[in-house]
PDB file of N, CA and C in Angstrom:
ATOM      1  N   MET A   1      74.884  46.719 118.197  1.00  0.00           N
ATOM      2  CA  MET A   1      76.097  46.230 117.892  1.00  0.00           C
ATOM      3  C   MET A   1      76.004  45.083 117.152  1.00  0.00           C
ATOM      4  N   PHE A   2      76.680  45.097 115.927  1.00  0.00           N
ATOM      5  CA  PHE A   2      76.623  43.974 114.913  1.00  0.00           C
ATOM      6  C   PHE A   2      77.954  43.259 114.927  1.00  0.00           C
ATOM      7  N   ILE A   3      78.003  41.860 115.028  1.00  0.00           N
ATOM      8  CA  ILE A   3      79.235  41.158 114.957  1.00  0.00           C
ATOM      9  C   ILE A   3      79.075  40.082 113.906  1.00  0.00           C
ATOM     10  N   ALA A   4      79.938  40.048 113.110  1.00  0.00           N
ATOM     11  CA  ALA A   4      80.146  39.002 112.175  1.00  0.00           C
ATOM     12  C   ALA A   4      81.475  38.207 112.401  1.00  0.00           C
ATOM     13  N   VAL A   5      81.409  36.912 112.559  1.00  0.00           N
ATOM     14  CA  VAL A   5      82.563  36.066 112.786  1.00  0.00           C
ATOM     15  C   VAL A   5      82.726  34.978 111.804  1.00  0.00           C
ATOM     16  N   LEU A   6      83.804  34.822 111.320  1.00  0.00           N
ATOM     17  CA  LEU A   6      84.303  33.462 110.420  1.00  0.00           C
ATOM     18  C   LEU A   6      85.094  32.702 111.398  1.00  0.00           C
ATOM     19  N   PRO A   7      84.478  31.636 112.015  1.00  0.00           N
ATOM     20  CA  PRO A   7      85.118  30.882 113.035  1.00  0.00           C
ATOM     21  C   PRO A   7      86.345  30.064 112.595  1.00  0.00           C
ATOM     22  N   PHE A   8      86.433  29.704 111.442  1.00  0.00           N
ATOM     23  CA  PHE A   8      87.489  28.760 111.112  1.00  0.00           C
ATOM     24  C   PHE A   8      88.695  29.645 110.906  1.00  0.00           C
ATOM     25  N   SER A   9      88.529  30.733 110.324  1.00  0.00           N
ATOM     26  CA  SER A   9      89.763  31.602 109.888  1.00  0.00           C
ATOM     27  C   SER A   9      90.120  32.660 110.884  1.00  0.00           C
ATOM     28  N   GLY A  10      89.244  32.995 112.010  1.00  0.00           N
ATOM     29  CA  GLY A  10      89.475  34.000 112.908  1.00  0.00           C
ATOM     30  C   GLY A  10      89.195  35.205 112.736  1.00  0.00           C
ATOM     31  N   TYR A  11      88.731  35.516 111.501  1.00  0.00           N
ATOM     32  CA  TYR A  11      88.521  36.999 111.084  1.00  0.00           C
ATOM     33  C   TYR A  11      87.033  37.321 111.792  1.00  0.00           C
ATOM     34  N   SER A  12      86.985  38.604 112.075  1.00  0.00           N
ATOM     35  CA  SER A  12      85.802  39.094 112.604  1.00  0.00           C
ATOM     36  C   SER A  12      85.531  40.487 112.062  1.00  0.00           C
ATOM     37  N   TYR A  13      84.345  41.100 112.134  1.00  0.00           N
ATOM     38  CA  TYR A  13      83.877  42.299 111.783  1.00  0.00           C
ATOM     39  C   TYR A  13      82.828  42.905 112.947  1.00  0.00           C
ATOM     40  N   VAL A  14      83.139  44.072 113.366  1.00  0.00           N
ATOM     41  CA  VAL A  14      82.180  44.630 114.390  1.00  0.00           C
ATOM     42  C   VAL A  14      81.818  46.026 113.959  1.00  0.00           C
ATOM     43  N   GLU A  15      80.590  46.363 114.055  1.00  0.00           N
ATOM     44  CA  GLU A  15      80.056  47.647 113.622  1.00  0.00           C
ATOM     45  C   GLU A  15      79.068  48.135 114.508  1.00  0.00           C
ATOM     46  N   ALA A  16      79.090  49.460 115.148  1.00  0.00           N
ATOM     47  CA  ALA A  16      78.147  49.800 116.045  1.00  0.00           C
ATOM     48  C   ALA A  16      76.950  50.522 115.085  1.00  0.00           C
ATOM     49  N   LEU A  17      75.759  50.188 115.267  1.00  0.00           N
ATOM     50  CA  LEU A  17      74.582  50.509 114.608  1.00  0.00           C
ATOM     51  C   LEU A  17      73.931  51.604 115.219  1.00  0.00           C
ATOM     52  N   PRO A  18      73.154  52.470 114.575  1.00  0.00           N
ATOM     53  CA  PRO A  18      72.177  53.429 115.318  1.00  0.00           C
ATOM     54  C   PRO A  18      71.067  52.825 115.871  1.00  0.00           C
ATOM     55  N   SER A  19      70.553  51.841 115.160  1.00  0.00           N
ATOM     56  CA  SER A  19      69.429  51.145 115.678  1.00  0.00           C
ATOM     57  C   SER A  19      69.240  49.727 115.201  1.00  0.00           C
ATOM     58  N   GLN A  20      68.242  49.063 115.524  1.00  0.00           N
ATOM     59  CA  GLN A  20      67.987  47.726 115.117  1.00  0.00           C
ATOM     60  C   GLN A  20      67.014  47.714 113.855  1.00  0.00           C
ATOM     61  N   ARG A  21      66.885  48.742 113.350  1.00  0.00           N
ATOM     62  CA  ARG A  21      66.048  48.803 112.024  1.00  0.00           C
ATOM     63  C   ARG A  21      66.525  47.922 111.073  1.00  0.00           C
ATOM     64  N   GLN A  22      65.638  47.507 109.957  1.00  0.00           N
ATOM     65  CA  GLN A  22      66.060  46.488 109.011  1.00  0.00           C
ATOM     66  C   GLN A  22      66.983  47.042 108.218  1.00  0.00           C
ATOM     67  N   GLU A  23      67.083  48.557 107.927  1.00  0.00           N
ATOM     68  CA  GLU A  23      67.842  49.037 106.830  1.00  0.00           C
ATOM     69  C   GLU A  23      69.302  49.075 107.504  1.00  0.00           C
ATOM     70  N   ASP A  24      69.389  49.376 108.788  1.00  0.00           N
ATOM     71  CA  ASP A  24      70.626  49.232 109.436  1.00  0.00           C
ATOM     72  C   ASP A  24      71.338  47.832 109.553  1.00  0.00           C
ATOM     73  N   PHE A  25      70.580  46.903 109.781  1.00  0.00           N
ATOM     74  CA  PHE A  25      70.858  45.328 109.780  1.00  0.00           C
ATOM     75  C   PHE A  25      71.368  44.890 108.599  1.00  0.00           C
ATOM     76  N   ILE A  26      70.648  45.267 107.465  1.00  0.00           N
ATOM     77  CA  ILE A  26      71.161  44.644 106.116  1.00  0.00           C
ATOM     78  C   ILE A  26      72.315  45.618 105.597  1.00  0.00           C
ATOM     79  N   ARG A  27      72.397  46.774 105.843  1.00  0.00           N
ATOM     80  CA  ARG A  27      73.591  47.573 105.496  1.00  0.00           C
ATOM     81  C   ARG A  27      74.888  46.927 106.226  1.00  0.00           C
ATOM     82  N   ALA A  28      74.667  46.559 107.465  1.00  0.00           N
ATOM     83  CA  ALA A  28      75.891  45.942 108.431  1.00  0.00           C
ATOM     84  C   ALA A  28      76.206  44.747 107.786  1.00  0.00           C
ATOM     85  N   ILE A  29      75.290  43.765 107.294  1.00  0.00           N
ATOM     86  CA  ILE A  29      75.720  42.627 106.531  1.00  0.00           C
ATOM     87  C   ILE A  29      76.456  42.841 105.287  1.00  0.00           C
ATOM     88  N   ALA A  30      75.966  43.821 104.577  1.00  0.00           N
ATOM     89  CA  ALA A  30      76.632  44.139 103.417  1.00  0.00           C
ATOM     90  C   ALA A  30      78.104  44.697 103.561  1.00  0.00           C
ATOM     91  N   ASN A  31      78.179  45.495 104.515  1.00  0.00           N
ATOM     92  CA  ASN A  31      79.520  46.052 104.947  1.00  0.00           C
ATOM     93  C   ASN A  31      80.515  44.901 105.462  1.00  0.00           C
ATOM     94  N   ALA A  32      79.891  43.979 106.130  1.00  0.00           N
ATOM     95  CA  ALA A  32      80.860  42.935 106.698  1.00  0.00           C
ATOM     96  C   ALA A  32      81.327  42.049 105.428  1.00  0.00           C
ATOM     97  N   PHE A  33      80.494  41.855 104.490  1.00  0.00           N
ATOM     98  CA  PHE A  33      80.866  40.982 103.281  1.00  0.00           C
ATOM     99  C   PHE A  33      81.925  41.907 102.565  1.00  0.00           C
ATOM    100  N   ALA A  34      81.840  43.165 102.351  1.00  0.00           N
ATOM    101  CA  ALA A  34      82.755  44.079 101.721  1.00  0.00           C
ATOM    102  C   ALA A  34      84.017  43.941 102.465  1.00  0.00           C
ATOM    103  N   TYR A  35      84.025  43.989 103.799  1.00  0.00           N
ATOM    104  CA  TYR A  35      85.224  44.240 104.631  1.00  0.00           C
ATOM    105  C   TYR A  35      85.856  42.794 104.620  1.00  0.00           C
ATOM    106  N   LEU A  36      85.275  41.615 104.554  1.00  0.00           N
ATOM    107  CA  LEU A  36      85.735  40.483 104.528  1.00  0.00           C
ATOM    108  C   LEU A  36      86.310  39.902 103.128  1.00  0.00           C
ATOM    109  N   GLY A  37      85.875  40.690 102.381  1.00  0.00           N
ATOM    110  CA  GLY A  37      86.438  40.408 100.820  1.00  0.00           C
ATOM    111  C   GLY A  37      85.583  39.064 100.101  1.00  0.00           C
ATOM    112  N   GLY A  38      84.524  38.806 100.799  1.00  0.00           N
ATOM    113  CA  GLY A  38      83.824  37.734 100.097  1.00  0.00           C
ATOM    114  C   GLY A  38      82.664  37.365 100.934  1.00  0.00           C
ATOM    115  N   VAL A  39      82.008  36.370 100.422  1.00  0.00           N
ATOM    116  CA  VAL A  39      80.656  36.076 101.073  1.00  0.00           C
ATOM    117  C   VAL A  39      80.701  34.481 101.308  1.00  0.00           C
ATOM    118  N   PRO A  40      80.293  34.203 102.488  1.00  0.00           N
ATOM    119  CA  PRO A  40      80.159  32.737 103.000  1.00  0.00           C
ATOM    120  C   PRO A  40      79.178  32.142 102.332  1.00  0.00           C
ATOM    121  N   ALA A  41      79.075  30.707 102.313  1.00  0.00           N
ATOM    122  CA  ALA A  41      78.027  30.011 101.490  1.00  0.00           C
ATOM    123  C   ALA A  41      76.739  30.084 102.414  1.00  0.00           C
ATOM    124  N   CYS A  42      76.966  30.095 103.819  1.00  0.00           N
ATOM    125  CA  CYS A  42      75.809  30.106 104.638  1.00  0.00           C
ATOM    126  C   CYS A  42      76.164  31.174 105.739  1.00  0.00           C
ATOM    127  N   GLY A  43      75.104  31.830 106.196  1.00  0.00           N
ATOM    128  CA  GLY A  43      75.254  32.702 107.352  1.00  0.00           C
ATOM    129  C   GLY A  43      74.307  32.413 108.477  1.00  0.00           C
ATOM    130  N   LEU A  44      74.768  32.280 109.691  1.00  0.00           N
ATOM    131  CA  LEU A  44      73.841  32.132 110.828  1.00  0.00           C
ATOM    132  C   LEU A  44      73.399  33.512 111.440  1.00  0.00           C
ATOM    133  N   ILE A  45      72.222  33.736 111.511  1.00  0.00           N
ATOM    134  CA  ILE A  45      71.816  35.088 111.991  1.00  0.00           C
ATOM    135  C   ILE A  45      71.067  34.845 113.394  1.00  0.00           C
ATOM    136  N   ASP A  46      71.037  35.647 114.327  1.00  0.00           N
ATOM    137  CA  ASP A  46      70.208  35.665 115.470  1.00  0.00           C
ATOM    138  C   ASP A  46      68.772  35.660 115.105  1.00  0.00           C
ATOM    139  N   ASN A  47      67.843  35.504 115.955  1.00  0.00           N
ATOM    140  CA  ASN A  47      66.367  35.711 115.745  1.00  0.00           C
ATOM    141  C   ASN A  47      66.005  37.409 115.849  1.00  0.00           C
ATOM    142  N   LEU A  48      66.619  38.232 115.260  1.00  0.00           N
ATOM    143  CA  LEU A  48      66.435  39.593 115.317  1.00  0.00           C
ATOM    144  C   LEU A  48      65.283  39.831 114.431  1.00  0.00           C
ATOM    145  N   LYS A  49      64.199  40.554 114.906  1.00  0.00           N
ATOM    146  CA  LYS A  49      63.150  40.858 114.049  1.00  0.00           C
ATOM    147  C   LYS A  49      63.309  41.573 112.880  1.00  0.00           C
ATOM    148  N   SER A  50      64.570  42.188 112.712  1.00  0.00           N
ATOM    149  CA  SER A  50      64.909  43.060 111.515  1.00  0.00           C
ATOM    150  C   SER A  50      65.264  41.995 110.236  1.00  0.00           C
ATOM    151  N   GLY A  51      65.496  40.809 110.599  1.00  0.00           N
ATOM    152  CA  GLY A  51      65.698  39.653 109.656  1.00  0.00           C
ATOM    153  C   GLY A  51      64.907  38.457 109.539  1.00  0.00           C
ATOM    154  N   VAL A  52      64.188  38.123 110.661  1.00  0.00           N
ATOM    155  CA  VAL A  52      63.505  37.148 110.731  1.00  0.00           C
ATOM    156  C   VAL A  52      61.989  37.403 110.991  1.00  0.00           C
ATOM    157  N   LYS A  53      60.954  37.047 110.319  1.00  0.00           N
ATOM    158  CA  LYS A  53      59.536  37.259 110.389  1.00  0.00           C
ATOM    159  C   LYS A  53      59.260  36.284 111.485  1.00  0.00           C
ATOM    160  N   ARG A  54      59.441  35.048 111.251  1.00  0.00           N
ATOM    161  CA  ARG A  54      58.887  33.801 112.085  1.00  0.00           C
ATOM    162  C   ARG A  54      60.042  32.996 112.362  1.00  0.00           C
ATOM    163  N   ALA A  55      60.385  32.855 113.495  1.00  0.00           N
ATOM    164  CA  ALA A  55      61.507  31.782 113.897  1.00  0.00           C
ATOM    165  C   ALA A  55      61.056  30.464 114.149  1.00  0.00           C
ATOM    166  N   ASN A  56      61.568  29.481 113.287  1.00  0.00           N
ATOM    167  CA  ASN A  56      61.295  28.231 113.231  1.00  0.00           C
ATOM    168  C   ASN A  56      62.657  27.422 113.006  1.00  0.00           C
ATOM    169  N   ARG A  57      62.837  26.342 113.708  1.00  0.00           N
ATOM    170  CA  ARG A  57      63.928  25.642 113.467  1.00  0.00           C
ATOM    171  C   ARG A  57      64.336  25.108 112.222  1.00  0.00           C
ATOM    172  N   TYR A  58      63.317  24.495 111.614  1.00  0.00           N
ATOM    173  CA  TYR A  58      63.378  23.914 110.298  1.00  0.00           C
ATOM    174  C   TYR A  58      63.034  24.780 108.924  1.00  0.00           C
ATOM    175  N   GLU A  59      61.897  25.651 109.325  1.00  0.00           N
ATOM    176  CA  GLU A  59      61.502  26.510 108.129  1.00  0.00           C
ATOM    177  C   GLU A  59      61.356  27.805 108.845  1.00  0.00           C
ATOM    178  N   PRO A  60      62.490  28.765 108.876  1.00  0.00           N
ATOM    179  CA  PRO A  60      62.140  30.023 109.352  1.00  0.00           C
ATOM    180  C   PRO A  60      61.615  30.964 108.133  1.00  0.00           C
ATOM    181  N   ALA A  61      60.979  31.890 108.619  1.00  0.00           N
ATOM    182  CA  ALA A  61      60.459  32.996 107.642  1.00  0.00           C
ATOM    183  C   ALA A  61      61.281  34.231 107.702  1.00  0.00           C
ATOM    184  N   PHE A  62      62.064  34.649 106.729  1.00  0.00           N
ATOM    185  CA  PHE A  62      62.871  35.705 106.713  1.00  0.00           C
ATOM    186  C   PHE A  62      62.067  36.963 106.040  1.00  0.00           C
ATOM    187  N   THR A  63      62.530  38.185 106.310  1.00  0.00           N
ATOM    188  CA  THR A  63      62.151  39.271 105.745  1.00  0.00           C
ATOM    189  C   THR A  63      62.389  39.234 104.146  1.00  0.00           C
ATOM    190  N   GLU A  64      61.592  39.990 103.572  1.00  0.00           N
ATOM    191  CA  GLU A  64      61.764  40.172 102.062  1.00  0.00           C
ATOM    192  C   GLU A  64      63.289  40.808 101.663  1.00  0.00           C
ATOM    193  N   LEU A  65      63.620  41.743 102.449  1.00  0.00           N
ATOM    194  CA  LEU A  65      64.881  42.357 102.235  1.00  0.00           C
ATOM    195  C   LEU A  65      66.070  41.374 102.397  1.00  0.00           C
ATOM    196  N   LEU A  66      65.953  40.681 103.462  1.00  0.00           N
ATOM    197  CA  LEU A  66      66.922  39.510 103.685  1.00  0.00           C
ATOM    198  C   LEU A  66      66.986  38.542 102.572  1.00  0.00           C
ATOM    199  N   GLU A  67      65.816  38.121 102.173  1.00  0.00           N
ATOM    200  CA  GLU A  67      65.718  37.138 101.057  1.00  0.00           C
ATOM    201  C   GLU A  67      66.314  37.786  99.607  1.00  0.00           C
ATOM    202  N   GLN A  68      66.058  39.070  99.432  1.00  0.00           N
ATOM    203  CA  GLN A  68      66.791  39.733  98.321  1.00  0.00           C
ATOM    204  C   GLN A  68      68.196  39.748  98.496  1.00  0.00           C
ATOM    205  N   LEU A  69      68.733  40.086  99.656  1.00  0.00           N
ATOM    206  CA  LEU A  69      70.123  40.192 100.019  1.00  0.00           C
ATOM    207  C   LEU A  69      70.815  38.759  99.623  1.00  0.00           C
ATOM    208  N   SER A  70      70.160  37.709 100.077  1.00  0.00           N
ATOM    209  CA  SER A  70      70.706  36.360  99.909  1.00  0.00           C
ATOM    210  C   SER A  70      70.793  35.934  98.422  1.00  0.00           C
ATOM    211  N   LEU A  71      69.778  36.408  97.705  1.00  0.00           N
ATOM    212  CA  LEU A  71      69.919  36.173  96.124  1.00  0.00           C
ATOM    213  C   LEU A  71      70.705  37.084  95.681  1.00  0.00           C
ATOM    214  N   HIS A  72      70.971  38.237  95.948  1.00  0.00           N
ATOM    215  CA  HIS A  72      72.008  39.133  95.516  1.00  0.00           C
ATOM    216  C   HIS A  72      73.510  38.638  95.561  1.00  0.00           C
ATOM    217  N   TYR A  73      73.707  38.136  96.840  1.00  0.00           N
ATOM    218  CA  TYR A  73      75.120  37.584  97.075  1.00  0.00           C
ATOM    219  C   TYR A  73      75.157  36.293  96.831  1.00  0.00           C
ATOM    220  N   GLY A  74      74.123  35.364  96.589  1.00  0.00           N
ATOM    221  CA  GLY A  74      74.291  33.981  96.389  1.00  0.00           C
ATOM    222  C   GLY A  74      74.549  33.118  97.421  1.00  0.00           C
ATOM    223  N   CYS A  75      74.166  33.557  98.685  1.00  0.00           N
ATOM    224  CA  CYS A  75      74.307  32.738  99.750  1.00  0.00           C
ATOM    225  C   CYS A  75      73.011  32.490 100.482  1.00  0.00           C
ATOM    226  N   THR A  76      73.013  31.611 101.424  1.00  0.00           N
ATOM    227  CA  THR A  76      71.760  31.261 102.112  1.00  0.00           C
ATOM    228  C   THR A  76      71.980  31.813 103.601  1.00  0.00           C
ATOM    229  N   PHE A  77      70.859  31.954 104.509  1.00  0.00           N
ATOM    230  CA  PHE A  77      70.824  32.279 105.703  1.00  0.00           C
ATOM    231  C   PHE A  77      69.917  31.241 106.532  1.00  0.00           C
ATOM    232  N   MET A  78      70.589  30.999 107.799  1.00  0.00           N
ATOM    233  CA  MET A  78      69.785  29.967 108.661  1.00  0.00           C
ATOM    234  C   MET A  78      69.725  30.871 109.981  1.00  0.00           C
ATOM    235  N   VAL A  79      68.845  30.439 110.739  1.00  0.00           N
ATOM    236  CA  VAL A  79      68.693  31.151 112.186  1.00  0.00           C
ATOM    237  C   VAL A  79      69.107  30.206 113.142  1.00  0.00           C
ATOM    238  N   LEU A  80      69.687  30.915 114.238  1.00  0.00           N
ATOM    239  CA  LEU A  80      69.931  29.981 115.416  1.00  0.00           C
ATOM    240  C   LEU A  80      68.854  29.593 116.192  1.00  0.00           C
ATOM    241  N   ARG A  81      69.087  28.861 117.167  1.00  0.00           N
ATOM    242  CA  ARG A  81      67.997  28.166 117.794  1.00  0.00           C
ATOM    243  C   ARG A  81      67.272  29.176 118.784  1.00  0.00           C
ATOM    244  N   VAL A  82      65.977  28.940 118.887  1.00  0.00           N
ATOM    245  CA  VAL A  82      65.097  29.854 119.498  1.00  0.00           C
ATOM    246  C   VAL A  82      65.501  29.835 120.927  1.00  0.00           C
TER     247      VAL A  82
END
Protein backbone atom coordinates (compact mmCIF):
# COMPACT_ATOMS: atom_id res chain seq x y z
CA MET A 1 0.00 0.00 0.00
CA PHE A 2 1.39 3.38 -1.02
CA ILE A 3 0.06 6.47 0.76
CA ALA A 4 1.00 10.07 -0.05
CA VAL A 5 -0.32 12.86 2.18
CA LEU A 6 -0.08 16.63 1.94
CA PRO A 7 -0.67 17.44 5.61
CA PHE A 8 -1.48 21.14 5.44
CA SER A 9 -4.02 20.88 2.62
CA GLY A 10 -5.52 17.56 3.68
CA TYR A 11 -5.07 15.97 0.25
CA SER A 12 -4.10 12.33 0.13
CA TYR A 13 -3.38 9.69 -2.49
CA VAL A 14 -3.60 5.93 -1.90
CA GLU A 15 -2.61 3.19 -4.32
CA ALA A 16 -2.46 -0.57 -3.88
CA LEU A 17 0.84 -1.89 -5.28
CA PRO A 18 1.43 -5.44 -6.49
CA SER A 19 4.83 -5.54 -4.73
CA GLN A 20 7.48 -3.43 -3.02
CA ARG A 21 9.79 -3.54 -6.01
CA GLN A 22 11.58 -0.37 -6.97
CA GLU A 23 9.65 0.03 -10.23
CA ASP A 24 6.29 -0.14 -8.46
CA PHE A 25 7.43 2.32 -5.78
CA ILE A 26 8.73 4.90 -8.27
CA ARG A 27 5.62 4.56 -10.46
CA ALA A 28 3.41 5.15 -7.39
CA ILE A 29 5.32 8.36 -6.56
CA ALA A 30 4.91 9.61 -10.15
CA ASN A 31 1.20 8.69 -10.08
CA ALA A 32 0.76 10.60 -6.82
CA PHE A 33 2.40 13.71 -8.29
CA ALA A 34 0.14 13.48 -11.35
CA TYR A 35 -2.98 12.99 -9.22
CA LEU A 36 -2.15 15.87 -6.89
CA GLY A 37 -1.42 18.13 -9.85
CA GLY A 38 1.99 19.26 -8.66
CA VAL A 39 5.18 18.36 -6.89
CA PRO A 40 6.09 19.27 -3.31
CA ALA A 41 9.46 20.90 -2.67
CA CYS A 42 10.42 18.10 -0.30
CA GLY A 43 9.10 14.60 0.15
CA LEU A 44 9.48 12.43 3.24
CA ILE A 45 9.73 8.74 2.55
CA ASP A 46 9.88 5.74 4.79
CA ASN A 47 13.08 3.68 4.94
CA LEU A 48 11.85 1.26 2.28
CA LYS A 49 14.65 -0.64 0.53
CA SER A 50 13.13 0.31 -2.84
CA GLY A 51 14.04 3.94 -2.26
CA VAL A 52 16.80 4.05 0.35
CA LYS A 53 20.09 2.19 0.05
CA ARG A 54 21.50 3.32 3.40
CA ALA A 55 19.38 4.93 6.09
CA ASN A 56 21.11 7.75 7.93
CA ARG A 57 19.50 10.69 9.69
CA TYR A 58 21.84 13.28 8.20
CA GLU A 59 23.11 11.80 4.92
CA PRO A 60 20.93 8.97 3.62
CA ALA A 61 21.86 7.15 0.43
CA PHE A 62 19.00 6.88 -2.04
CA THR A 63 18.71 4.50 -4.96
CA GLU A 64 19.75 5.81 -8.37
CA LEU A 65 16.21 5.66 -9.70
CA LEU A 66 14.90 7.80 -6.84
CA GLU A 67 17.75 10.28 -7.40
CA GLN A 68 16.79 10.51 -11.08
CA LEU A 69 13.14 11.00 -10.13
CA SER A 70 14.06 13.89 -7.82
CA LEU A 71 16.13 15.51 -10.58
CA HIS A 72 13.32 15.05 -13.10
CA TYR A 73 10.67 16.65 -10.88
CA GLY A 74 12.99 19.19 -9.23
CA CYS A 75 12.26 18.12 -5.68
CA THR A 76 14.25 16.62 -2.84
CA PHE A 77 13.59 13.58 -0.71
CA MET A 78 14.35 13.03 2.95
CA VAL A 79 13.98 9.89 5.03
CA LEU A 80 12.06 9.45 8.25
CA ARG A 81 13.87 8.43 11.40
CA VAL A 82 15.16 4.89 11.60
